[in-house]
Amino acid sequence: MPAVYLSLGSNIDREPHIRGALDDLEQAFGPLTISSVYESEAVGFEGDPFYNLVVGFDTELAPDQLAESLAAIETRHGRTRECKKFAPRTLDIDLLLYGDEVVESGRLKLPREDITRYAFMLEPLAEIAGERLHPTLGRRFAELWADYDKRLARQQRIDFERHPDSAACG
């Protein structure tokens, strides 16, 4: 089964949508590898800051089937397809990597070109998959992040509790 990596983002009711998306993904695909959550400025438009993170898991679904499943999760969280590319979002899920495959099928292009363009994708990906090689660049994600111009990274890691209502044992 290929390991896949997704970028999740939200700038409308951020916490409940991110938590809900993680629950939906775990229910659909099983155990997740989850990066830290980063708060980052909106890119391409004036808007509230985003929460962004990267999630990894293994799946037997083909890339197009996976993309459909992710779109359904976005829709359950109030995402509409009429939105402009750069606009506020309840939930945005982008498929970044599908194993080591290079895919160009309709709108689906993998690895996603934005990985090396945006810190909110690259830093959390390097955090959880730093030793993996970029399928077309042949460089480790940790190296790509080390070489990234951090002046372009307008984000910070935040404390984020996935299950804030769970009681601590002690």
N, C-alpha and C. Protein backbone atom coordinates (compact mmCIF):
# COMPACT_ATOMS: atom_id res chain seq x y z
N MET A 1 0.85 -1.19 0.00
CA MET A 1 0.00 0.00 0.00
C MET A 1 0.89 1.24 0.00
N PRO A 2 0.57 2.18 -0.86
CA PRO A 2 1.37 3.40 -0.86
C PRO A 2 1.08 4.29 0.34
N ALA A 3 2.12 4.97 0.81
CA ALA A 3 1.95 5.99 1.83
C ALA A 3 1.54 7.27 1.12
N VAL A 4 0.50 7.90 1.62
CA VAL A 4 0.04 9.16 1.04
C VAL A 4 0.18 10.25 2.09
N TYR A 5 0.35 11.46 1.59
CA TYR A 5 0.47 12.62 2.47
C TYR A 5 -0.47 13.70 1.98
N LEU A 6 -1.18 14.31 2.93
CA LEU A 6 -2.17 15.33 2.64
C LEU A 6 -1.84 16.60 3.41
N SER A 7 -2.16 17.73 2.83
CA SER A 7 -2.10 19.00 3.53
C SER A 7 -3.52 19.38 3.91
N LEU A 8 -3.73 19.73 5.17
CA LEU A 8 -5.03 20.18 5.65
C LEU A 8 -4.91 21.64 6.06
N GLY A 9 -5.92 22.42 5.73
CA GLY A 9 -5.93 23.82 6.13
C GLY A 9 -7.34 24.30 6.37
N SER A 10 -7.46 25.28 7.27
CA SER A 10 -8.75 25.90 7.56
C SER A 10 -8.52 27.29 8.12
N ASN A 11 -9.34 28.25 7.68
CA ASN A 11 -9.32 29.56 8.33
C ASN A 11 -10.72 30.05 8.70
N ILE A 12 -11.69 29.15 8.68
CA ILE A 12 -13.04 29.43 9.16
C ILE A 12 -13.37 28.37 10.19
N ASP A 13 -13.64 28.78 11.42
CA ASP A 13 -13.89 27.81 12.51
C ASP A 13 -12.81 26.73 12.48
N ARG A 14 -11.57 27.17 12.55
CA ARG A 14 -10.41 26.32 12.31
C ARG A 14 -10.36 25.06 13.17
N GLU A 15 -10.47 25.23 14.47
CA GLU A 15 -10.29 24.08 15.36
C GLU A 15 -11.29 22.97 15.11
N PRO A 16 -12.60 23.26 15.08
CA PRO A 16 -13.53 22.15 14.86
C PRO A 16 -13.38 21.48 13.50
N HIS A 17 -13.04 22.25 12.47
CA HIS A 17 -12.91 21.64 11.15
C HIS A 17 -11.65 20.78 11.06
N ILE A 18 -10.56 21.23 11.65
CA ILE A 18 -9.33 20.41 11.63
C ILE A 18 -9.55 19.14 12.46
N ARG A 19 -10.12 19.29 13.64
CA ARG A 19 -10.38 18.11 14.49
C ARG A 19 -11.32 17.13 13.77
N GLY A 20 -12.37 17.67 13.19
CA GLY A 20 -13.33 16.81 12.49
C GLY A 20 -12.70 16.12 11.30
N ALA A 21 -11.87 16.82 10.56
CA ALA A 21 -11.20 16.21 9.40
C ALA A 21 -10.28 15.08 9.86
N LEU A 22 -9.55 15.30 10.95
CA LEU A 22 -8.66 14.23 11.45
C LEU A 22 -9.48 13.02 11.87
N ASP A 23 -10.60 13.24 12.53
CA ASP A 23 -11.47 12.12 12.92
C ASP A 23 -12.00 11.40 11.69
N ASP A 24 -12.46 12.15 10.69
CA ASP A 24 -12.98 11.54 9.46
C ASP A 24 -11.91 10.74 8.74
N LEU A 25 -10.71 11.30 8.64
CA LEU A 25 -9.61 10.60 7.96
C LEU A 25 -9.23 9.33 8.70
N GLU A 26 -9.17 9.41 10.02
CA GLU A 26 -8.82 8.22 10.81
C GLU A 26 -9.88 7.14 10.67
N GLN A 27 -11.14 7.54 10.67
CA GLN A 27 -12.23 6.57 10.51
C GLN A 27 -12.17 5.92 9.13
N ALA A 28 -11.85 6.69 8.10
CA ALA A 28 -11.83 6.17 6.74
C ALA A 28 -10.57 5.38 6.41
N PHE A 29 -9.43 5.78 6.98
CA PHE A 29 -8.16 5.21 6.53
C PHE A 29 -7.32 4.56 7.63
N GLY A 30 -7.76 4.63 8.88
CA GLY A 30 -7.00 4.01 9.95
C GLY A 30 -5.98 4.97 10.55
N PRO A 31 -4.94 4.41 11.17
CA PRO A 31 -3.97 5.24 11.89
C PRO A 31 -3.33 6.30 11.01
N LEU A 32 -3.17 7.49 11.60
CA LEU A 32 -2.60 8.63 10.89
C LEU A 32 -1.27 9.03 11.52
N THR A 33 -0.38 9.52 10.69
CA THR A 33 0.80 10.23 11.16
C THR A 33 0.47 11.70 10.99
N ILE A 34 0.56 12.46 12.09
CA ILE A 34 0.09 13.84 12.08
C ILE A 34 1.22 14.77 12.48
N SER A 35 1.44 15.79 11.66
CA SER A 35 2.45 16.80 11.98
C SER A 35 1.93 17.74 13.07
N SER A 36 2.80 18.62 13.48
CA SER A 36 2.36 19.73 14.32
C SER A 36 1.40 20.59 13.51
N VAL A 37 0.65 21.43 14.20
CA VAL A 37 -0.24 22.38 13.54
C VAL A 37 0.47 23.73 13.51
N TYR A 38 0.37 24.38 12.38
CA TYR A 38 1.00 25.68 12.17
C TYR A 38 -0.07 26.71 11.87
N GLU A 39 0.10 27.89 12.44
CA GLU A 39 -0.76 29.00 12.08
C GLU A 39 -0.01 29.82 11.06
N SER A 40 -0.65 30.07 9.93
CA SER A 40 0.03 30.79 8.85
C SER A 40 -0.89 31.85 8.26
N GLU A 41 -0.26 32.86 7.68
CA GLU A 41 -1.02 33.91 7.02
C GLU A 41 -1.75 33.36 5.81
N ALA A 42 -2.86 33.99 5.48
CA ALA A 42 -3.56 33.65 4.24
C ALA A 42 -2.64 34.00 3.07
N VAL A 43 -2.63 33.16 2.05
CA VAL A 43 -1.78 33.36 0.87
C VAL A 43 -2.68 33.70 -0.31
N GLY A 44 -2.38 34.80 -0.99
CA GLY A 44 -3.10 35.16 -2.20
C GLY A 44 -4.36 35.98 -1.97
N PHE A 45 -4.71 36.26 -0.71
CA PHE A 45 -5.88 37.07 -0.41
C PHE A 45 -5.77 37.57 1.02
N GLU A 46 -6.54 38.61 1.32
CA GLU A 46 -6.63 39.12 2.69
C GLU A 46 -7.64 38.28 3.43
N GLY A 47 -7.22 37.70 4.55
CA GLY A 47 -8.15 36.88 5.31
C GLY A 47 -7.54 36.47 6.63
N ASP A 48 -8.35 35.81 7.43
CA ASP A 48 -7.90 35.33 8.73
C ASP A 48 -6.81 34.29 8.53
N PRO A 49 -5.94 34.12 9.54
CA PRO A 49 -4.88 33.12 9.44
C PRO A 49 -5.45 31.70 9.36
N PHE A 50 -4.67 30.84 8.76
CA PHE A 50 -5.01 29.43 8.61
C PHE A 50 -4.36 28.59 9.70
N TYR A 51 -4.98 27.46 10.01
CA TYR A 51 -4.29 26.36 10.67
C TYR A 51 -3.95 25.40 9.55
N ASN A 52 -2.69 24.95 9.52
CA ASN A 52 -2.23 24.00 8.51
C ASN A 52 -1.46 22.87 9.16
N LEU A 53 -1.55 21.70 8.58
CA LEU A 53 -0.79 20.54 9.02
C LEU A 53 -0.72 19.55 7.88
N VAL A 54 0.11 18.53 8.05
CA VAL A 54 0.21 17.46 7.07
C VAL A 54 -0.09 16.15 7.78
N VAL A 55 -0.79 15.28 7.09
CA VAL A 55 -1.21 13.98 7.61
C VAL A 55 -0.76 12.91 6.63
N GLY A 56 -0.26 11.80 7.17
CA GLY A 56 0.12 10.67 6.34
C GLY A 56 -0.59 9.40 6.77
N PHE A 57 -0.82 8.52 5.81
CA PHE A 57 -1.42 7.20 6.08
C PHE A 57 -1.22 6.34 4.85
N ASP A 58 -1.48 5.05 5.00
CA ASP A 58 -1.42 4.12 3.88
C ASP A 58 -2.84 3.85 3.38
N THR A 59 -2.96 3.66 2.07
CA THR A 59 -4.28 3.38 1.52
C THR A 59 -4.18 2.46 0.31
N GLU A 60 -5.23 1.71 0.10
CA GLU A 60 -5.34 0.86 -1.09
C GLU A 60 -6.10 1.57 -2.21
N LEU A 61 -6.70 2.71 -1.91
CA LEU A 61 -7.46 3.43 -2.93
C LEU A 61 -6.53 3.96 -4.01
N ALA A 62 -7.01 3.96 -5.24
CA ALA A 62 -6.28 4.58 -6.35
C ALA A 62 -6.30 6.09 -6.14
N PRO A 63 -5.36 6.82 -6.74
CA PRO A 63 -5.31 8.28 -6.53
C PRO A 63 -6.61 9.00 -6.81
N ASP A 64 -7.30 8.66 -7.90
CA ASP A 64 -8.55 9.37 -8.22
C ASP A 64 -9.65 9.03 -7.21
N GLN A 65 -9.69 7.78 -6.74
CA GLN A 65 -10.67 7.41 -5.71
C GLN A 65 -10.38 8.13 -4.40
N LEU A 66 -9.10 8.22 -4.06
CA LEU A 66 -8.71 8.93 -2.85
C LEU A 66 -9.11 10.40 -2.94
N ALA A 67 -8.87 11.03 -4.08
CA ALA A 67 -9.23 12.43 -4.28
C ALA A 67 -10.74 12.63 -4.09
N GLU A 68 -11.54 11.70 -4.59
CA GLU A 68 -13.00 11.79 -4.41
C GLU A 68 -13.38 11.68 -2.94
N SER A 69 -12.74 10.77 -2.23
CA SER A 69 -13.01 10.59 -0.81
C SER A 69 -12.64 11.85 -0.02
N LEU A 70 -11.53 12.46 -0.37
CA LEU A 70 -11.10 13.68 0.32
C LEU A 70 -12.05 14.84 0.02
N ALA A 71 -12.53 14.93 -1.22
CA ALA A 71 -13.50 15.97 -1.58
C ALA A 71 -14.79 15.79 -0.78
N ALA A 72 -15.19 14.56 -0.54
CA ALA A 72 -16.40 14.31 0.25
C ALA A 72 -16.22 14.76 1.69
N ILE A 73 -15.03 14.56 2.25
CA ILE A 73 -14.76 15.03 3.61
C ILE A 73 -14.80 16.56 3.64
N GLU A 74 -14.20 17.21 2.65
CA GLU A 74 -14.26 18.67 2.58
C GLU A 74 -15.71 19.14 2.53
N THR A 75 -16.53 18.50 1.72
CA THR A 75 -17.93 18.89 1.58
C THR A 75 -18.67 18.73 2.90
N ARG A 76 -18.41 17.64 3.63
CA ARG A 76 -19.05 17.43 4.94
C ARG A 76 -18.71 18.56 5.90
N HIS A 77 -17.59 19.22 5.68
CA HIS A 77 -17.17 20.32 6.55
C HIS A 77 -17.49 21.68 5.96
N GLY A 78 -18.43 21.72 5.03
CA GLY A 78 -18.94 22.98 4.53
C GLY A 78 -18.20 23.58 3.36
N ARG A 79 -17.26 22.86 2.79
CA ARG A 79 -16.51 23.37 1.64
C ARG A 79 -17.41 23.36 0.42
N THR A 80 -17.43 24.46 -0.30
CA THR A 80 -18.18 24.51 -1.54
C THR A 80 -17.21 24.64 -2.70
N ARG A 81 -17.56 24.15 -3.85
CA ARG A 81 -16.68 24.15 -5.02
C ARG A 81 -16.76 25.46 -5.80
N GLU A 82 -17.65 26.37 -5.39
CA GLU A 82 -17.74 27.65 -6.08
C GLU A 82 -16.65 28.61 -5.63
N CYS A 83 -15.91 28.24 -4.58
CA CYS A 83 -14.88 29.12 -4.03
C CYS A 83 -13.79 29.39 -5.05
N LYS A 84 -13.27 30.62 -5.00
CA LYS A 84 -12.10 30.95 -5.79
C LYS A 84 -10.91 30.19 -5.20
N LYS A 85 -9.84 30.09 -5.99
CA LYS A 85 -8.65 29.37 -5.52
C LYS A 85 -8.12 29.99 -4.23
N PHE A 86 -8.01 31.30 -4.19
CA PHE A 86 -7.49 31.98 -3.00
C PHE A 86 -8.66 32.65 -2.28
N ALA A 87 -9.22 31.93 -1.31
CA ALA A 87 -10.38 32.41 -0.57
C ALA A 87 -10.44 31.71 0.78
N PRO A 88 -11.18 32.27 1.73
CA PRO A 88 -11.35 31.60 3.02
C PRO A 88 -11.96 30.20 2.82
N ARG A 89 -11.61 29.29 3.73
CA ARG A 89 -12.07 27.92 3.61
C ARG A 89 -12.40 27.33 4.98
N THR A 90 -13.49 26.57 5.01
CA THR A 90 -13.76 25.78 6.22
C THR A 90 -12.75 24.64 6.30
N LEU A 91 -12.47 24.02 5.16
CA LEU A 91 -11.52 22.92 5.12
C LEU A 91 -10.98 22.76 3.71
N ASP A 92 -9.68 22.66 3.62
CA ASP A 92 -9.01 22.42 2.35
C ASP A 92 -8.10 21.23 2.56
N ILE A 93 -8.29 20.19 1.76
CA ILE A 93 -7.44 19.00 1.82
C ILE A 93 -6.79 18.84 0.46
N ASP A 94 -5.46 18.91 0.44
CA ASP A 94 -4.72 18.73 -0.80
C ASP A 94 -3.89 17.45 -0.72
N LEU A 95 -4.03 16.62 -1.72
CA LEU A 95 -3.21 15.42 -1.84
C LEU A 95 -1.83 15.84 -2.33
N LEU A 96 -0.81 15.63 -1.49
CA LEU A 96 0.55 16.05 -1.82
C LEU A 96 1.35 14.96 -2.51
N LEU A 97 1.29 13.76 -1.95
CA LEU A 97 2.09 12.63 -2.43
C LEU A 97 1.25 11.37 -2.40
N TYR A 98 1.46 10.53 -3.40
CA TYR A 98 0.85 9.20 -3.44
C TYR A 98 2.00 8.23 -3.65
N GLY A 99 2.57 7.74 -2.55
CA GLY A 99 3.77 6.92 -2.64
C GLY A 99 4.85 7.69 -3.38
N ASP A 100 5.53 7.01 -4.27
CA ASP A 100 6.57 7.65 -5.08
C ASP A 100 6.07 7.92 -6.49
N GLU A 101 4.76 7.81 -6.67
CA GLU A 101 4.21 7.92 -8.03
C GLU A 101 4.16 9.36 -8.52
N VAL A 102 4.34 9.49 -9.83
CA VAL A 102 4.14 10.74 -10.53
C VAL A 102 2.84 10.55 -11.32
N VAL A 103 1.85 11.39 -11.03
CA VAL A 103 0.52 11.24 -11.62
C VAL A 103 0.15 12.55 -12.31
N GLU A 104 -0.33 12.44 -13.54
CA GLU A 104 -0.91 13.59 -14.25
C GLU A 104 -2.17 13.08 -14.93
N SER A 105 -3.29 13.29 -14.24
CA SER A 105 -4.56 12.80 -14.72
C SER A 105 -5.61 13.86 -14.47
N GLY A 106 -5.99 14.57 -15.51
CA GLY A 106 -6.98 15.64 -15.34
C GLY A 106 -6.44 16.71 -14.42
N ARG A 107 -7.19 17.03 -13.36
CA ARG A 107 -6.77 18.05 -12.39
C ARG A 107 -5.79 17.50 -11.37
N LEU A 108 -5.63 16.19 -11.30
CA LEU A 108 -4.77 15.57 -10.30
C LEU A 108 -3.33 15.48 -10.81
N LYS A 109 -2.44 16.22 -10.16
CA LYS A 109 -1.03 16.20 -10.52
C LYS A 109 -0.22 15.95 -9.26
N LEU A 110 0.53 14.85 -9.26
CA LEU A 110 1.31 14.46 -8.09
C LEU A 110 2.74 14.13 -8.52
N PRO A 111 3.71 14.46 -7.71
CA PRO A 111 3.58 15.18 -6.45
C PRO A 111 3.07 16.60 -6.70
N ARG A 112 2.38 17.14 -5.72
CA ARG A 112 1.81 18.48 -5.86
C ARG A 112 2.94 19.50 -5.95
N GLU A 113 2.89 20.35 -6.96
CA GLU A 113 3.94 21.35 -7.18
C GLU A 113 4.09 22.31 -6.01
N ASP A 114 3.00 22.58 -5.30
CA ASP A 114 3.01 23.55 -4.21
C ASP A 114 3.87 23.12 -3.02
N ILE A 115 4.25 21.85 -2.95
CA ILE A 115 5.03 21.37 -1.80
C ILE A 115 6.26 22.24 -1.57
N THR A 116 6.99 22.53 -2.61
CA THR A 116 8.23 23.29 -2.44
C THR A 116 8.00 24.80 -2.49
N ARG A 117 6.81 25.22 -2.81
CA ARG A 117 6.49 26.64 -2.92
C ARG A 117 6.04 27.23 -1.59
N TYR A 118 5.30 26.45 -0.79
CA TYR A 118 4.67 26.99 0.41
C TYR A 118 5.22 26.32 1.68
N ALA A 119 5.65 27.16 2.62
CA ALA A 119 6.16 26.66 3.90
C ALA A 119 5.11 25.86 4.65
N PHE A 120 3.82 26.27 4.53
CA PHE A 120 2.78 25.58 5.28
C PHE A 120 2.57 24.14 4.80
N MET A 121 3.10 23.79 3.64
CA MET A 121 3.10 22.40 3.20
C MET A 121 4.44 21.73 3.49
N LEU A 122 5.53 22.42 3.15
CA LEU A 122 6.84 21.80 3.22
C LEU A 122 7.32 21.56 4.65
N GLU A 123 7.16 22.52 5.56
CA GLU A 123 7.66 22.32 6.92
C GLU A 123 6.98 21.15 7.62
N PRO A 124 5.64 21.08 7.63
CA PRO A 124 5.04 19.92 8.30
C PRO A 124 5.30 18.59 7.58
N LEU A 125 5.46 18.62 6.25
CA LEU A 125 5.80 17.40 5.53
C LEU A 125 7.21 16.95 5.91
N ALA A 126 8.14 17.88 5.99
CA ALA A 126 9.50 17.55 6.40
C ALA A 126 9.52 17.02 7.83
N GLU A 127 8.62 17.51 8.65
CA GLU A 127 8.54 17.07 10.05
C GLU A 127 8.18 15.59 10.15
N ILE A 128 7.22 15.12 9.35
CA ILE A 128 6.76 13.72 9.49
C ILE A 128 7.29 12.79 8.41
N ALA A 129 7.87 13.34 7.34
CA ALA A 129 8.38 12.49 6.25
C ALA A 129 9.70 13.05 5.73
N GLY A 130 10.52 13.56 6.63
CA GLY A 130 11.75 14.23 6.25
C GLY A 130 12.73 13.37 5.48
N GLU A 131 12.71 12.07 5.71
CA GLU A 131 13.67 11.18 5.04
C GLU A 131 13.16 10.67 3.69
N ARG A 132 11.88 10.90 3.42
CA ARG A 132 11.33 10.49 2.12
C ARG A 132 11.90 11.37 1.02
N LEU A 133 12.02 10.78 -0.16
CA LEU A 133 12.51 11.53 -1.32
C LEU A 133 11.36 12.11 -2.12
N HIS A 134 11.52 13.35 -2.55
CA HIS A 134 10.57 13.95 -3.47
C HIS A 134 10.63 13.14 -4.76
N PRO A 135 9.49 12.65 -5.27
CA PRO A 135 9.50 11.74 -6.43
C PRO A 135 10.14 12.27 -7.70
N THR A 136 10.13 13.57 -7.91
CA THR A 136 10.73 14.10 -9.14
C THR A 136 12.03 14.84 -8.89
N LEU A 137 12.21 15.41 -7.71
CA LEU A 137 13.43 16.16 -7.41
C LEU A 137 14.54 15.27 -6.86
N GLY A 138 14.15 14.11 -6.31
CA GLY A 138 15.13 13.17 -5.78
C GLY A 138 15.86 13.66 -4.54
N ARG A 139 15.28 14.62 -3.84
CA ARG A 139 15.88 15.15 -2.61
C ARG A 139 14.94 14.86 -1.44
N ARG A 140 15.53 14.67 -0.27
CA ARG A 140 14.74 14.43 0.93
C ARG A 140 13.98 15.70 1.32
N PHE A 141 12.79 15.51 1.87
CA PHE A 141 11.99 16.66 2.26
C PHE A 141 12.67 17.47 3.35
N ALA A 142 13.42 16.83 4.23
CA ALA A 142 14.17 17.56 5.25
C ALA A 142 15.20 18.48 4.60
N GLU A 143 15.85 18.03 3.54
CA GLU A 143 16.82 18.86 2.82
C GLU A 143 16.12 20.03 2.14
N LEU A 144 14.99 19.74 1.52
CA LEU A 144 14.24 20.81 0.85
C LEU A 144 13.82 21.89 1.85
N TRP A 145 13.40 21.45 3.05
CA TRP A 145 13.02 22.43 4.07
C TRP A 145 14.24 23.19 4.57
N ALA A 146 15.36 22.51 4.76
CA ALA A 146 16.58 23.18 5.21
C ALA A 146 17.02 24.27 4.22
N ASP A 147 16.78 24.04 2.94
CA ASP A 147 17.18 24.99 1.90
C ASP A 147 16.11 26.04 1.60
N TYR A 148 14.94 25.90 2.18
CA TYR A 148 13.84 26.83 1.92
C TYR A 148 14.19 28.20 2.50
N ASP A 149 13.86 29.24 1.78
CA ASP A 149 14.09 30.61 2.25
C ASP A 149 13.08 30.91 3.36
N LYS A 150 13.53 30.84 4.60
CA LYS A 150 12.63 30.98 5.76
C LYS A 150 12.01 32.37 5.85
N ARG A 151 12.56 33.34 5.13
CA ARG A 151 11.93 34.67 5.11
C ARG A 151 10.55 34.61 4.46
N LEU A 152 10.30 33.56 3.68
CA LEU A 152 9.00 33.38 3.04
C LEU A 152 8.01 32.63 3.93
N ALA A 153 8.51 32.10 5.04
CA ALA A 153 7.69 31.27 5.93
C ALA A 153 7.02 32.15 6.97
N ARG A 154 5.82 32.54 6.70
CA ARG A 154 5.06 33.37 7.64
C ARG A 154 4.11 32.49 8.43
N GLN A 155 4.71 31.70 9.32
CA GLN A 155 3.93 30.76 10.10
C GLN A 155 4.65 30.46 11.40
N GLN A 156 3.88 29.90 12.33
CA GLN A 156 4.46 29.46 13.59
C GLN A 156 3.74 28.22 14.07
N ARG A 157 4.50 27.34 14.70
CA ARG A 157 3.93 26.13 15.28
C ARG A 157 3.11 26.54 16.49
N ILE A 158 1.95 25.91 16.65
CA ILE A 158 1.07 26.24 17.77
C ILE A 158 0.78 24.98 18.58
N ASP A 159 0.32 25.19 19.80
CA ASP A 159 -0.18 24.08 20.61
C ASP A 159 -1.60 23.79 20.13
N PHE A 160 -1.85 22.56 19.79
CA PHE A 160 -3.17 22.18 19.29
C PHE A 160 -3.52 20.84 19.89
N GLU A 161 -4.62 20.81 20.61
CA GLU A 161 -5.08 19.56 21.21
C GLU A 161 -6.16 18.96 20.31
N ARG A 162 -5.88 17.77 19.85
CA ARG A 162 -6.84 17.11 18.97
C ARG A 162 -8.14 16.78 19.71
N HIS A 163 -8.01 16.35 20.94
CA HIS A 163 -9.18 15.99 21.75
C HIS A 163 -9.14 16.82 23.04
N PRO A 164 -9.52 18.09 22.97
CA PRO A 164 -9.37 18.97 24.14
C PRO A 164 -10.26 18.61 25.33
N ASP A 165 -11.32 17.85 25.07
CA ASP A 165 -12.25 17.52 26.17
C ASP A 165 -11.90 16.23 26.88
N SER A 166 -10.84 15.53 26.40
CA SER A 166 -10.51 14.26 27.05
C SER A 166 -9.86 14.53 28.40
N ALA A 167 -10.28 13.78 29.38
CA ALA A 167 -9.76 13.96 30.73
C ALA A 167 -8.38 13.31 30.84
N ALA A 168 -7.51 13.97 31.53
CA ALA A 168 -6.16 13.42 31.74
C ALA A 168 -6.24 12.35 32.82
N CYS A 169 -5.53 11.29 32.59
CA CYS A 169 -5.44 10.22 33.60
C CYS A 169 -4.33 10.57 34.58
N GLY A 170 -4.46 10.19 35.81
CA GLY A 170 -3.38 10.51 36.73
C GLY A 170 -3.57 9.92 37.99
